Amino acid sequence: MSTDQTLHPLRPTHSASAVFGAGAAIGVLGGMIGLGGAEFRLPLLIGLFGFAALSAVILNKAMSLVVVLAALPARLAAVPAAEVAARWPVAVNLLVGSLLGAWAGASWAVRMRSTTLYKVLAALMVLMAAALVVTHTITLDTLALPLWAQIPAGVAAGFGSGVVAAIMGVAGGELLIPTSVAVRGGHQDRRKSLPAGLPAHHAGRVRPLQP
């Protein structure tokens, strides 16, 4: 198991203005593209503020939960409840896999060696960047899966999204949205990813804090 268990940064702390400025920039950038900003926060926690890998993931997950909860009322106000409810089969399908994936991913993260976790995080950040580019430049189409295959495919896609989200300490909307569109014909709208992703986000947040 990794010995990287402290939340203290490895380098001297920065000034309050620098921390506030970084947080504000992340908030603006995340808000502009409809995300919570955890994808941008993680490299800053590690590279700029000197947190060790696992510490940065846990802190990122905790801060992400606060951001997601704060954004949830505005997102629900922007999207009619009836429209969200009409897609409940898709949300539940992905949620089952996401919950399992979030728990598994968090379990793997706390057992990785620190050097391995750094490499995994670097690879996943590249994956997230690619996902952001794809979802902002092309319109995704739904795969022509038979009905019997949609449910297991949705669980598998949700599991993968949950694993990645838990290891990185993010909410996972960047992956939940394209997978919901491709597998179950969901809507390519980030405002609708929070209700489905919040329980899995919480599962991944709780798991690393347990012995």
C-alpha atoms as a PDB file:
ATOM      1  CA  MET A   1       0.000   0.000   0.000  1.00  0.00           C
ATOM      2  CA  SER A   2       1.204   3.484  -0.670  1.00  0.00           C
ATOM      3  CA  THR A   3       2.674   5.377   2.275  1.00  0.00           C
ATOM      4  CA  ASP A   4       1.499   8.654   0.755  1.00  0.00           C
ATOM      5  CA  GLN A   5      -1.269   9.323   3.287  1.00  0.00           C
ATOM      6  CA  THR A   6      -0.773  12.908   4.473  1.00  0.00           C
ATOM      7  CA  LEU A   7      -2.738  15.906   3.298  1.00  0.00           C
ATOM      8  CA  HIS A   8       0.171  18.272   3.972  1.00  0.00           C
ATOM      9  CA  PRO A   9       1.890  19.744   0.917  1.00  0.00           C
ATOM     10  CA  LEU A  10       5.478  18.747   0.275  1.00  0.00           C
ATOM     11  CA  ARG A  11       6.535  22.342  -0.392  1.00  0.00           C
ATOM     12  CA  PRO A  12       5.902  25.545   1.575  1.00  0.00           C
ATOM     13  CA  THR A  13       2.363  26.821   1.311  1.00  0.00           C
ATOM     14  CA  HIS A  14       1.611  29.646  -1.095  1.00  0.00           C
ATOM     15  CA  SER A  15       0.028  32.968  -0.282  1.00  0.00           C
ATOM     16  CA  ALA A  16      -3.726  33.184   0.168  1.00  0.00           C
ATOM     17  CA  SER A  17      -4.002  35.413  -2.894  1.00  0.00           C
ATOM     18  CA  ALA A  18      -2.228  32.835  -5.084  1.00  0.00           C
ATOM     19  CA  VAL A  19      -4.465  30.049  -3.825  1.00  0.00           C
ATOM     20  CA  PHE A  20      -7.590  32.169  -4.309  1.00  0.00           C
ATOM     21  CA  GLY A  21      -6.489  33.208  -7.788  1.00  0.00           C
ATOM     22  CA  ALA A  22      -5.855  29.609  -8.833  1.00  0.00           C
ATOM     23  CA  GLY A  23      -9.231  28.549  -7.470  1.00  0.00           C
ATOM     24  CA  ALA A  24     -11.017  31.390  -9.223  1.00  0.00           C
ATOM     25  CA  ALA A  25      -9.333  30.595 -12.542  1.00  0.00           C
ATOM     26  CA  ILE A  26     -10.323  26.937 -12.232  1.00  0.00           C
ATOM     27  CA  GLY A  27     -13.895  27.921 -11.381  1.00  0.00           C
ATOM     28  CA  VAL A  28     -14.182  30.227 -14.384  1.00  0.00           C
ATOM     29  CA  LEU A  29     -12.638  27.704 -16.769  1.00  0.00           C
ATOM     30  CA  GLY A  30     -14.769  24.843 -15.470  1.00  0.00           C
ATOM     31  CA  GLY A  31     -17.909  26.963 -15.575  1.00  0.00           C
ATOM     32  CA  MET A  32     -17.260  28.005 -19.167  1.00  0.00           C
ATOM     33  CA  ILE A  33     -17.257  24.395 -20.362  1.00  0.00           C
ATOM     34  CA  GLY A  34     -19.897  23.095 -17.956  1.00  0.00           C
ATOM     35  CA  LEU A  35     -17.658  21.148 -15.547  1.00  0.00           C
ATOM     36  CA  GLY A  36     -16.665  21.448 -11.910  1.00  0.00           C
ATOM     37  CA  GLY A  37     -13.009  22.092 -12.669  1.00  0.00           C
ATOM     38  CA  ALA A  38     -11.510  19.111 -10.823  1.00  0.00           C
ATOM     39  CA  GLU A  39      -9.611  18.092 -13.954  1.00  0.00           C
ATOM     40  CA  PHE A  40      -7.750  21.414 -13.847  1.00  0.00           C
ATOM     41  CA  ARG A  41      -7.429  21.473 -10.051  1.00  0.00           C
ATOM     42  CA  LEU A  42      -5.590  18.152  -9.755  1.00  0.00           C
ATOM     43  CA  PRO A  43      -2.427  19.121 -11.707  1.00  0.00           C
ATOM     44  CA  LEU A  44      -2.263  22.395  -9.766  1.00  0.00           C
ATOM     45  CA  LEU A  45      -2.532  20.590  -6.420  1.00  0.00           C
ATOM     46  CA  ILE A  46       0.349  18.332  -7.423  1.00  0.00           C
ATOM     47  CA  GLY A  47       2.532  20.553  -9.586  1.00  0.00           C
ATOM     48  CA  LEU A  48       2.005  24.023  -8.119  1.00  0.00           C
ATOM     49  CA  PHE A  49       1.063  23.458  -4.491  1.00  0.00           C
ATOM     50  CA  GLY A  50       3.201  20.360  -3.953  1.00  0.00           C
ATOM     51  CA  PHE A  51       0.648  17.857  -2.646  1.00  0.00           C
ATOM     52  CA  ALA A  52       1.588  14.198  -2.966  1.00  0.00           C
ATOM     53  CA  ALA A  53      -0.500  12.161  -5.420  1.00  0.00           C
ATOM     54  CA  LEU A  54      -2.944  10.410  -3.089  1.00  0.00           C
ATOM     55  CA  SER A  55      -3.317  13.496  -0.913  1.00  0.00           C
ATOM     56  CA  ALA A  56      -4.132  15.585  -3.983  1.00  0.00           C
ATOM     57  CA  VAL A  57      -6.724  13.042  -5.155  1.00  0.00           C
ATOM     58  CA  ILE A  58      -8.492  12.955  -1.773  1.00  0.00           C
ATOM     59  CA  LEU A  59      -8.466  16.743  -1.444  1.00  0.00           C
ATOM     60  CA  ASN A  60      -9.616  17.143  -5.041  1.00  0.00           C
ATOM     61  CA  LYS A  61     -12.508  14.746  -4.450  1.00  0.00           C
ATOM     62  CA  ALA A  62     -13.605  16.603  -1.304  1.00  0.00           C
ATOM     63  CA  MET A  63     -13.479  19.998  -3.020  1.00  0.00           C
ATOM     64  CA  SER A  64     -15.221  18.598  -6.076  1.00  0.00           C
ATOM     65  CA  LEU A  65     -18.128  17.411  -3.955  1.00  0.00           C
ATOM     66  CA  VAL A  66     -18.601  20.921  -2.557  1.00  0.00           C
ATOM     67  CA  VAL A  67     -18.530  22.405  -6.069  1.00  0.00           C
ATOM     68  CA  VAL A  68     -20.955  19.790  -7.427  1.00  0.00           C
ATOM     69  CA  LEU A  69     -23.402  20.313  -4.565  1.00  0.00           C
ATOM     70  CA  ALA A  70     -23.245  24.091  -5.044  1.00  0.00           C
ATOM     71  CA  ALA A  71     -23.907  23.750  -8.775  1.00  0.00           C
ATOM     72  CA  LEU A  72     -26.686  21.165  -8.464  1.00  0.00           C
ATOM     73  CA  PRO A  73     -29.581  23.584  -7.691  1.00  0.00           C
ATOM     74  CA  ALA A  74     -28.670  25.825 -10.648  1.00  0.00           C
ATOM     75  CA  ARG A  75     -28.347  22.824 -12.968  1.00  0.00           C
ATOM     76  CA  LEU A  76     -31.703  21.411 -11.859  1.00  0.00           C
ATOM     77  CA  ALA A  77     -33.300  24.828 -12.328  1.00  0.00           C
ATOM     78  CA  ALA A  78     -31.895  25.045 -15.858  1.00  0.00           C
ATOM     79  CA  VAL A  79     -33.149  21.580 -16.836  1.00  0.00           C
ATOM     80  CA  PRO A  80     -36.849  20.770 -16.205  1.00  0.00           C
ATOM     81  CA  ALA A  81     -37.324  17.963 -13.692  1.00  0.00           C
ATOM     82  CA  ALA A  82     -39.649  16.175 -16.110  1.00  0.00           C
ATOM     83  CA  GLU A  83     -36.884  16.084 -18.724  1.00  0.00           C
ATOM     84  CA  VAL A  84     -34.436  14.566 -16.245  1.00  0.00           C
ATOM     85  CA  ALA A  85     -37.037  12.077 -15.000  1.00  0.00           C
ATOM     86  CA  ALA A  86     -37.764  10.951 -18.549  1.00  0.00           C
ATOM     87  CA  ARG A  87     -34.172   9.714 -18.795  1.00  0.00           C
ATOM     88  CA  TRP A  88     -34.169   7.796 -15.498  1.00  0.00           C
ATOM     89  CA  PRO A  89     -33.490   4.375 -17.117  1.00  0.00           C
ATOM     90  CA  VAL A  90     -30.254   5.749 -18.611  1.00  0.00           C
ATOM     91  CA  ALA A  91     -29.241   7.397 -15.338  1.00  0.00           C
ATOM     92  CA  VAL A  92     -29.892   4.255 -13.280  1.00  0.00           C
ATOM     93  CA  ASN A  93     -28.114   2.044 -15.810  1.00  0.00           C
ATOM     94  CA  LEU A  94     -24.959   4.162 -15.753  1.00  0.00           C
ATOM     95  CA  LEU A  95     -25.242   4.764 -12.017  1.00  0.00           C
ATOM     96  CA  VAL A  96     -25.061   1.052 -11.176  1.00  0.00           C
ATOM     97  CA  GLY A  97     -21.767   0.719 -13.003  1.00  0.00           C
ATOM     98  CA  SER A  98     -20.482   4.075 -11.747  1.00  0.00           C
ATOM     99  CA  LEU A  99     -21.036   3.179  -8.094  1.00  0.00           C
ATOM    100  CA  LEU A 100     -19.174  -0.105  -8.491  1.00  0.00           C
ATOM    101  CA  GLY A 101     -16.418   1.581 -10.484  1.00  0.00           C
ATOM    102  CA  ALA A 102     -16.022   4.438  -7.998  1.00  0.00           C
ATOM    103  CA  TRP A 103     -15.628   2.007  -5.103  1.00  0.00           C
ATOM    104  CA  ALA A 104     -13.168  -0.174  -7.033  1.00  0.00           C
ATOM    105  CA  GLY A 105     -11.167   2.788  -8.328  1.00  0.00           C
ATOM    106  CA  ALA A 106     -10.832   4.337  -4.885  1.00  0.00           C
ATOM    107  CA  SER A 107      -9.743   0.968  -3.462  1.00  0.00           C
ATOM    108  CA  TRP A 108      -7.069   0.612  -6.137  1.00  0.00           C
ATOM    109  CA  ALA A 109      -5.856   4.188  -5.654  1.00  0.00           C
ATOM    110  CA  VAL A 110      -5.112   3.748  -1.943  1.00  0.00           C
ATOM    111  CA  ARG A 111      -3.225   0.511  -2.640  1.00  0.00           C
ATOM    112  CA  MET A 112      -1.018   1.830  -5.440  1.00  0.00           C
ATOM    113  CA  ARG A 113       2.574   2.761  -4.851  1.00  0.00           C
ATOM    114  CA  SER A 114       3.072   6.498  -5.019  1.00  0.00           C
ATOM    115  CA  THR A 115       5.237   6.301  -8.154  1.00  0.00           C
ATOM    116  CA  THR A 116       2.629   4.141  -9.889  1.00  0.00           C
ATOM    117  CA  LEU A 117      -0.185   6.511  -8.948  1.00  0.00           C
ATOM    118  CA  TYR A 118       1.695   9.469 -10.450  1.00  0.00           C
ATOM    119  CA  LYS A 119       2.028   7.591 -13.764  1.00  0.00           C
ATOM    120  CA  VAL A 120      -1.619   6.503 -13.735  1.00  0.00           C
ATOM    121  CA  LEU A 121      -2.776  10.066 -13.009  1.00  0.00           C
ATOM    122  CA  ALA A 122      -0.636  11.415 -15.864  1.00  0.00           C
ATOM    123  CA  ALA A 123      -2.154   8.916 -18.291  1.00  0.00           C
ATOM    124  CA  LEU A 124      -5.697   9.634 -17.086  1.00  0.00           C
ATOM    125  CA  MET A 125      -5.182  13.395 -17.446  1.00  0.00           C
ATOM    126  CA  VAL A 126      -4.260  12.822 -21.088  1.00  0.00           C
ATOM    127  CA  LEU A 127      -7.420  10.699 -21.434  1.00  0.00           C
ATOM    128  CA  MET A 128      -9.532  13.475 -19.899  1.00  0.00           C
ATOM    129  CA  ALA A 129      -7.999  16.053 -22.228  1.00  0.00           C
ATOM    130  CA  ALA A 130      -8.823  13.865 -25.205  1.00  0.00           C
ATOM    131  CA  ALA A 131     -12.391  13.363 -23.956  1.00  0.00           C
ATOM    132  CA  LEU A 132     -12.855  17.128 -23.573  1.00  0.00           C
ATOM    133  CA  VAL A 133     -11.569  17.767 -27.098  1.00  0.00           C
ATOM    134  CA  VAL A 134     -13.824  15.093 -28.603  1.00  0.00           C
ATOM    135  CA  THR A 135     -17.001  16.143 -26.809  1.00  0.00           C
ATOM    136  CA  HIS A 136     -16.465  19.821 -27.681  1.00  0.00           C
ATOM    137  CA  THR A 137     -15.573  19.350 -31.344  1.00  0.00           C
ATOM    138  CA  ILE A 138     -17.835  16.597 -32.660  1.00  0.00           C
ATOM    139  CA  THR A 139     -21.427  15.486 -32.207  1.00  0.00           C
ATOM    140  CA  LEU A 140     -21.580  12.007 -30.757  1.00  0.00           C
ATOM    141  CA  ASP A 141     -23.854   9.384 -32.249  1.00  0.00           C
ATOM    142  CA  THR A 142     -25.558   6.519 -30.455  1.00  0.00           C
ATOM    143  CA  LEU A 143     -24.187   3.049 -31.138  1.00  0.00           C
ATOM    144  CA  ALA A 144     -26.611   0.702 -32.864  1.00  0.00           C
ATOM    145  CA  LEU A 145     -26.747  -1.772 -29.968  1.00  0.00           C
ATOM    146  CA  PRO A 146     -29.647  -4.208 -29.600  1.00  0.00           C
ATOM    147  CA  LEU A 147     -31.832  -3.600 -26.568  1.00  0.00           C
ATOM    148  CA  TRP A 148     -30.502  -6.647 -24.710  1.00  0.00           C
ATOM    149  CA  ALA A 149     -26.939  -5.333 -25.016  1.00  0.00           C
ATOM    150  CA  GLN A 150     -27.617  -1.754 -23.918  1.00  0.00           C
ATOM    151  CA  ILE A 151     -27.963  -2.494 -20.209  1.00  0.00           C
ATOM    152  CA  PRO A 152     -24.721  -4.492 -19.732  1.00  0.00           C
ATOM    153  CA  ALA A 153     -22.899  -2.026 -21.994  1.00  0.00           C
ATOM    154  CA  GLY A 154     -24.205   0.851 -19.864  1.00  0.00           C
ATOM    155  CA  VAL A 155     -23.059  -0.857 -16.663  1.00  0.00           C
ATOM    156  CA  ALA A 156     -19.617  -1.518 -18.163  1.00  0.00           C
ATOM    157  CA  ALA A 157     -19.314   2.077 -19.426  1.00  0.00           C
ATOM    158  CA  GLY A 158     -20.437   3.421 -16.059  1.00  0.00           C
ATOM    159  CA  PHE A 159     -17.914   1.179 -14.290  1.00  0.00           C
ATOM    160  CA  GLY A 160     -15.062   2.528 -16.396  1.00  0.00           C
ATOM    161  CA  SER A 161     -16.167   6.111 -15.815  1.00  0.00           C
ATOM    162  CA  GLY A 162     -16.447   5.484 -12.077  1.00  0.00           C
ATOM    163  CA  VAL A 163     -12.966   3.981 -11.870  1.00  0.00           C
ATOM    164  CA  VAL A 164     -11.359   6.919 -13.665  1.00  0.00           C
ATOM    165  CA  ALA A 165     -13.335   9.486 -11.651  1.00  0.00           C
ATOM    166  CA  ALA A 166     -12.427   7.890  -8.316  1.00  0.00           C
ATOM    167  CA  ILE A 167      -8.726   7.561  -9.075  1.00  0.00           C
ATOM    168  CA  MET A 168      -8.511  11.203 -10.216  1.00  0.00           C
ATOM    169  CA  GLY A 169     -10.853  12.651  -7.598  1.00  0.00           C
ATOM    170  CA  VAL A 170     -13.248  14.133 -10.175  1.00  0.00           C
ATOM    171  CA  ALA A 171     -17.009  13.924 -10.663  1.00  0.00           C
ATOM    172  CA  GLY A 172     -16.689  12.094 -13.976  1.00  0.00           C
ATOM    173  CA  GLY A 173     -19.106  14.049 -16.153  1.00  0.00           C
ATOM    174  CA  GLU A 174     -16.506  14.232 -18.952  1.00  0.00           C
ATOM    175  CA  LEU A 175     -16.833  10.464 -19.371  1.00  0.00           C
ATOM    176  CA  LEU A 176     -20.429   9.904 -18.223  1.00  0.00           C
ATOM    177  CA  ILE A 177     -21.793  12.234 -20.886  1.00  0.00           C
ATOM    178  CA  PRO A 178     -20.184  10.659 -23.977  1.00  0.00           C
ATOM    179  CA  THR A 179     -20.818   7.128 -22.683  1.00  0.00           C
ATOM    180  CA  SER A 180     -24.483   7.876 -22.020  1.00  0.00           C
ATOM    181  CA  VAL A 181     -24.825   9.268 -25.542  1.00  0.00           C
ATOM    182  CA  ALA A 182     -22.968   6.412 -27.221  1.00  0.00           C
ATOM    183  CA  VAL A 183     -24.481   3.516 -25.268  1.00  0.00           C
ATOM    184  CA  ARG A 184     -27.961   4.607 -24.233  1.00  0.00           C
ATOM    185  CA  GLY A 185     -28.766   7.567 -26.462  1.00  0.00           C
ATOM    186  CA  GLY A 186     -28.506  10.185 -23.742  1.00  0.00           C
ATOM    187  CA  HIS A 187     -28.293  13.924 -24.354  1.00  0.00           C
ATOM    188  CA  GLN A 188     -24.901  15.614 -24.848  1.00  0.00           C
ATOM    189  CA  ASP A 189     -25.633  18.199 -22.161  1.00  0.00           C
ATOM    190  CA  ARG A 190     -23.382  18.646 -19.131  1.00  0.00           C
ATOM    191  CA  ARG A 191     -26.216  20.114 -17.081  1.00  0.00           C
ATOM    192  CA  LYS A 192     -27.784  16.644 -16.965  1.00  0.00           C
ATOM    193  CA  SER A 193     -24.743  14.728 -15.755  1.00  0.00           C
ATOM    194  CA  LEU A 194     -24.794  15.901 -12.132  1.00  0.00           C
ATOM    195  CA  PRO A 195     -27.870  14.018 -10.855  1.00  0.00           C
ATOM    196  CA  ALA A 196     -26.525  10.746 -12.248  1.00  0.00           C
ATOM    197  CA  GLY A 197     -22.924  11.308 -11.206  1.00  0.00           C
ATOM    198  CA  LEU A 198     -23.373  12.649  -7.673  1.00  0.00           C
ATOM    199  CA  PRO A 199     -23.947   9.297  -5.863  1.00  0.00           C
ATOM    200  CA  ALA A 200     -20.943   7.720  -7.573  1.00  0.00           C
ATOM    201  CA  HIS A 201     -18.919  10.842  -6.798  1.00  0.00           C
ATOM    202  CA  HIS A 202     -19.808  10.412  -3.112  1.00  0.00           C
ATOM    203  CA  ALA A 203     -18.919   6.716  -3.159  1.00  0.00           C
ATOM    204  CA  GLY A 204     -15.487   7.481  -4.530  1.00  0.00           C
ATOM    205  CA  ARG A 205     -14.995  10.258  -1.971  1.00  0.00           C
ATOM    206  CA  VAL A 206     -15.835   8.107   1.056  1.00  0.00           C
ATOM    207  CA  ARG A 207     -13.804   5.029   0.128  1.00  0.00           C
ATOM    208  CA  PRO A 208     -10.232   6.492   0.260  1.00  0.00           C
ATOM    209  CA  LEU A 209     -10.846   7.903   3.741  1.00  0.00           C
ATOM    210  CA  GLN A 210     -11.590   4.481   5.172  1.00  0.00           C
ATOM    211  CA  PRO A 211      -8.801   2.237   6.495  1.00  0.00           C
END
